[in-house]
Amino acid sequence: MERLALESALRNAIENDELELFYQPQFSLAKNRAQGVEALTRWNHPELGQVMPDRFIPLAEDSGLIIDIGTWAIKTVCRQMKSWQSDGIELGVVAVNVSGLRFQCGDIVKTVQSALADTGLAPECLELEITESIILNHT
């Protein structure tokens, strides 16, 4: 029952503005400076508080919700990165974790092209990181 309730709440998380991105710096030791950031999705549930990714990401993958969450993350990341650039903040690249399901559904290229076109962000500013699940499942 708990899993069903959590899945139901997760279905509404995007519309209810409960998902949030945190940006973790990626630092180059060779260059001794930040070379980009990685976007990390967090869920702020109104009653449970912050739900850890290890609890909701597997649920999102099992239910297929990871596709909608991934689309939201890519669009949000592109908007934020473009906003930072407009403010004169150059961070190099922003990395987004992409679930294997995104590749299986076949619309990842269209999703990325749309997000880049809508924001005007240059493609070289966005990096997609493939989650381990696709490698383990499709060796």
C-alpha atoms as a PDB file:
ATOM      1  CA  MET A   1       0.000   0.000   0.000  1.00  0.00           C
ATOM      2  CA  GLU A   2       2.855   2.343   0.830  1.00  0.00           C
ATOM      3  CA  ARG A   3       4.407   1.780  -2.600  1.00  0.00           C
ATOM      4  CA  LEU A   4       1.098   2.499  -4.359  1.00  0.00           C
ATOM      5  CA  ALA A   5       0.588   5.662  -2.331  1.00  0.00           C
ATOM      6  CA  LEU A   6       4.115   6.840  -3.078  1.00  0.00           C
ATOM      7  CA  GLU A   7       3.694   6.101  -6.793  1.00  0.00           C
ATOM      8  CA  SER A   8       0.407   8.003  -6.846  1.00  0.00           C
ATOM      9  CA  ALA A   9       2.043  10.994  -5.149  1.00  0.00           C
ATOM     10  CA  LEU A  10       4.987  10.815  -7.550  1.00  0.00           C
ATOM     11  CA  ARG A  11       2.576  11.003 -10.501  1.00  0.00           C
ATOM     12  CA  ASN A  12       1.539  14.454  -9.271  1.00  0.00           C
ATOM     13  CA  ALA A  13       4.964  15.663  -8.174  1.00  0.00           C
ATOM     14  CA  ILE A  14       5.799  17.498 -11.401  1.00  0.00           C
ATOM     15  CA  GLU A  15       2.455  19.290 -11.638  1.00  0.00           C
ATOM     16  CA  ASN A  16       2.598  20.176  -7.930  1.00  0.00           C
ATOM     17  CA  ASP A  17       6.112  21.627  -8.310  1.00  0.00           C
ATOM     18  CA  GLU A  18       7.531  19.168  -5.766  1.00  0.00           C
ATOM     19  CA  LEU A  19      10.574  18.185  -7.824  1.00  0.00           C
ATOM     20  CA  GLU A  20      13.697  20.253  -7.542  1.00  0.00           C
ATOM     21  CA  LEU A  21      17.137  20.188  -9.080  1.00  0.00           C
ATOM     22  CA  PHE A  22      20.325  20.602  -7.104  1.00  0.00           C
ATOM     23  CA  TYR A  23      23.530  21.358  -8.956  1.00  0.00           C
ATOM     24  CA  GLN A  24      26.686  19.604  -7.841  1.00  0.00           C
ATOM     25  CA  PRO A  25      29.932  21.167  -9.085  1.00  0.00           C
ATOM     26  CA  GLN A  26      32.261  19.054 -11.193  1.00  0.00           C
ATOM     27  CA  PHE A  27      35.816  20.064 -10.438  1.00  0.00           C
ATOM     28  CA  SER A  28      38.889  19.518 -12.600  1.00  0.00           C
ATOM     29  CA  LEU A  29      41.980  18.832 -10.542  1.00  0.00           C
ATOM     30  CA  ALA A  30      44.173  19.274 -13.608  1.00  0.00           C
ATOM     31  CA  LYS A  31      42.784  22.748 -14.301  1.00  0.00           C
ATOM     32  CA  ASN A  32      42.141  23.556 -10.623  1.00  0.00           C
ATOM     33  CA  ARG A  33      38.667  24.914 -11.344  1.00  0.00           C
ATOM     34  CA  ALA A  34      35.041  23.956 -11.742  1.00  0.00           C
ATOM     35  CA  GLN A  35      34.343  22.684 -15.249  1.00  0.00           C
ATOM     36  CA  GLY A  36      30.612  22.139 -14.976  1.00  0.00           C
ATOM     37  CA  VAL A  37      27.773  20.951 -12.818  1.00  0.00           C
ATOM     38  CA  GLU A  38      25.671  17.828 -12.510  1.00  0.00           C
ATOM     39  CA  ALA A  39      21.925  18.183 -12.016  1.00  0.00           C
ATOM     40  CA  LEU A  40      20.500  16.003  -9.266  1.00  0.00           C
ATOM     41  CA  THR A  41      16.740  15.523  -8.934  1.00  0.00           C
ATOM     42  CA  ARG A  42      15.184  15.738  -5.491  1.00  0.00           C
ATOM     43  CA  TRP A  43      11.562  15.279  -4.436  1.00  0.00           C
ATOM     44  CA  ASN A  44      10.072  17.443  -1.708  1.00  0.00           C
ATOM     45  CA  HIS A  45       6.902  15.592  -0.722  1.00  0.00           C
ATOM     46  CA  PRO A  46       4.435  17.852   1.141  1.00  0.00           C
ATOM     47  CA  GLU A  47       3.947  15.356   3.982  1.00  0.00           C
ATOM     48  CA  LEU A  48       7.029  13.125   3.900  1.00  0.00           C
ATOM     49  CA  GLY A  49       9.547  15.897   3.367  1.00  0.00           C
ATOM     50  CA  GLN A  50      12.505  15.177   1.142  1.00  0.00           C
ATOM     51  CA  VAL A  51      12.211  11.720  -0.394  1.00  0.00           C
ATOM     52  CA  MET A  52      15.653  10.337  -1.172  1.00  0.00           C
ATOM     53  CA  PRO A  53      16.437   9.397  -4.791  1.00  0.00           C
ATOM     54  CA  ASP A  54      17.202   5.789  -3.853  1.00  0.00           C
ATOM     55  CA  ARG A  55      13.574   5.545  -2.780  1.00  0.00           C
ATOM     56  CA  PHE A  56      11.770   7.288  -5.644  1.00  0.00           C
ATOM     57  CA  ILE A  57      13.996   6.750  -8.714  1.00  0.00           C
ATOM     58  CA  PRO A  58      13.529   2.942  -8.781  1.00  0.00           C
ATOM     59  CA  LEU A  59       9.802   3.490  -8.310  1.00  0.00           C
ATOM     60  CA  ALA A  60       9.796   6.002 -11.160  1.00  0.00           C
ATOM     61  CA  GLU A  61      11.669   3.555 -13.405  1.00  0.00           C
ATOM     62  CA  ASP A  62       9.355   0.638 -12.552  1.00  0.00           C
ATOM     63  CA  SER A  63       6.246   2.718 -13.212  1.00  0.00           C
ATOM     64  CA  GLY A  64       7.516   4.505 -16.324  1.00  0.00           C
ATOM     65  CA  LEU A  65       7.274   7.897 -14.587  1.00  0.00           C
ATOM     66  CA  ILE A  66      11.008   8.309 -15.099  1.00  0.00           C
ATOM     67  CA  ILE A  67      10.266   9.386 -18.677  1.00  0.00           C
ATOM     68  CA  ASP A  68       8.192  12.382 -17.557  1.00  0.00           C
ATOM     69  CA  ILE A  69      10.664  13.196 -14.794  1.00  0.00           C
ATOM     70  CA  GLY A  70      13.533  13.007 -17.290  1.00  0.00           C
ATOM     71  CA  THR A  71      11.762  15.319 -19.723  1.00  0.00           C
ATOM     72  CA  TRP A  72      11.101  17.789 -16.916  1.00  0.00           C
ATOM     73  CA  ALA A  73      14.748  17.604 -15.786  1.00  0.00           C
ATOM     74  CA  ILE A  74      16.185  18.172 -19.271  1.00  0.00           C
ATOM     75  CA  LYS A  75      13.921  21.174 -19.911  1.00  0.00           C
ATOM     76  CA  THR A  76      14.547  22.651 -16.467  1.00  0.00           C
ATOM     77  CA  VAL A  77      18.314  22.193 -16.729  1.00  0.00           C
ATOM     78  CA  CYS A  78      18.432  23.901 -20.125  1.00  0.00           C
ATOM     79  CA  ARG A  79      16.387  26.865 -18.843  1.00  0.00           C
ATOM     80  CA  GLN A  80      18.588  27.218 -15.741  1.00  0.00           C
ATOM     81  CA  MET A  81      21.847  26.956 -17.656  1.00  0.00           C
ATOM     82  CA  LYS A  82      20.697  29.568 -20.186  1.00  0.00           C
ATOM     83  CA  SER A  83      19.603  31.833 -17.335  1.00  0.00           C
ATOM     84  CA  TRP A  84      23.030  31.532 -15.710  1.00  0.00           C
ATOM     85  CA  GLN A  85      24.702  32.332 -19.026  1.00  0.00           C
ATOM     86  CA  SER A  86      22.475  35.393 -19.462  1.00  0.00           C
ATOM     87  CA  ASP A  87      23.592  36.529 -16.011  1.00  0.00           C
ATOM     88  CA  GLY A  88      27.250  36.144 -17.057  1.00  0.00           C
ATOM     89  CA  ILE A  89      27.830  32.923 -15.148  1.00  0.00           C
ATOM     90  CA  GLU A  90      29.731  30.458 -17.318  1.00  0.00           C
ATOM     91  CA  LEU A  91      29.811  26.951 -15.900  1.00  0.00           C
ATOM     92  CA  GLY A  92      30.947  24.947 -18.904  1.00  0.00           C
ATOM     93  CA  VAL A  93      28.566  22.027 -19.142  1.00  0.00           C
ATOM     94  CA  VAL A  94      25.630  20.733 -17.168  1.00  0.00           C
ATOM     95  CA  ALA A  95      25.233  16.972 -16.900  1.00  0.00           C
ATOM     96  CA  VAL A  96      21.866  15.245 -16.603  1.00  0.00           C
ATOM     97  CA  ASN A  97      21.396  11.590 -15.736  1.00  0.00           C
ATOM     98  CA  VAL A  98      19.214   9.853 -18.302  1.00  0.00           C
ATOM     99  CA  SER A  99      17.418   6.607 -17.581  1.00  0.00           C
ATOM    100  CA  GLY A 100      17.739   3.685 -19.954  1.00  0.00           C
ATOM    101  CA  LEU A 101      13.984   3.884 -20.474  1.00  0.00           C
ATOM    102  CA  ARG A 102      14.479   7.251 -22.189  1.00  0.00           C
ATOM    103  CA  PHE A 103      16.561   5.537 -24.827  1.00  0.00           C
ATOM    104  CA  GLN A 104      14.140   2.642 -25.146  1.00  0.00           C
ATOM    105  CA  CYS A 105      11.133   4.905 -25.740  1.00  0.00           C
ATOM    106  CA  GLY A 106      12.999   6.449 -28.658  1.00  0.00           C
ATOM    107  CA  ASP A 107      12.255  10.135 -28.134  1.00  0.00           C
ATOM    108  CA  ILE A 108      15.405  11.278 -26.351  1.00  0.00           C
ATOM    109  CA  VAL A 109      16.762  13.127 -29.392  1.00  0.00           C
ATOM    110  CA  LYS A 110      13.470  14.955 -29.940  1.00  0.00           C
ATOM    111  CA  THR A 111      13.243  15.854 -26.240  1.00  0.00           C
ATOM    112  CA  VAL A 112      16.773  17.267 -26.162  1.00  0.00           C
ATOM    113  CA  GLN A 113      16.384  19.130 -29.467  1.00  0.00           C
ATOM    114  CA  SER A 114      13.154  20.687 -28.229  1.00  0.00           C
ATOM    115  CA  ALA A 115      14.687  21.792 -24.908  1.00  0.00           C
ATOM    116  CA  LEU A 116      17.720  23.292 -26.634  1.00  0.00           C
ATOM    117  CA  ALA A 117      15.587  25.076 -29.249  1.00  0.00           C
ATOM    118  CA  ASP A 118      13.147  26.426 -26.646  1.00  0.00           C
ATOM    119  CA  THR A 119      15.930  27.877 -24.492  1.00  0.00           C
ATOM    120  CA  GLY A 120      18.585  28.744 -27.049  1.00  0.00           C
ATOM    121  CA  LEU A 121      21.164  26.766 -25.085  1.00  0.00           C
ATOM    122  CA  ALA A 122      24.095  25.571 -27.192  1.00  0.00           C
ATOM    123  CA  PRO A 123      24.237  21.759 -27.477  1.00  0.00           C
ATOM    124  CA  GLU A 124      27.808  21.595 -26.217  1.00  0.00           C
ATOM    125  CA  CYS A 125      26.599  22.944 -22.864  1.00  0.00           C
ATOM    126  CA  LEU A 126      24.463  19.868 -22.172  1.00  0.00           C
ATOM    127  CA  GLU A 127      25.877  16.476 -21.291  1.00  0.00           C
ATOM    128  CA  LEU A 128      23.746  13.365 -20.929  1.00  0.00           C
ATOM    129  CA  GLU A 129      24.925  10.696 -18.514  1.00  0.00           C
ATOM    130  CA  ILE A 130      23.527   7.250 -19.075  1.00  0.00           C
ATOM    131  CA  THR A 131      22.515   5.555 -15.853  1.00  0.00           C
ATOM    132  CA  GLU A 132      24.087   2.253 -14.983  1.00  0.00           C
ATOM    133  CA  SER A 133      20.817   0.372 -15.439  1.00  0.00           C
ATOM    134  CA  ILE A 134      20.983   0.544 -19.239  1.00  0.00           C
ATOM    135  CA  ILE A 135      24.513  -0.804 -19.275  1.00  0.00           C
ATOM    136  CA  LEU A 136      23.688  -3.627 -16.882  1.00  0.00           C
ATOM    137  CA  ASN A 137      20.507  -4.566 -18.730  1.00  0.00           C
ATOM    138  CA  HIS A 138      21.903  -4.266 -22.257  1.00  0.00           C
ATOM    139  CA  THR A 139      25.460  -5.486 -22.143  1.00  0.00           C
END
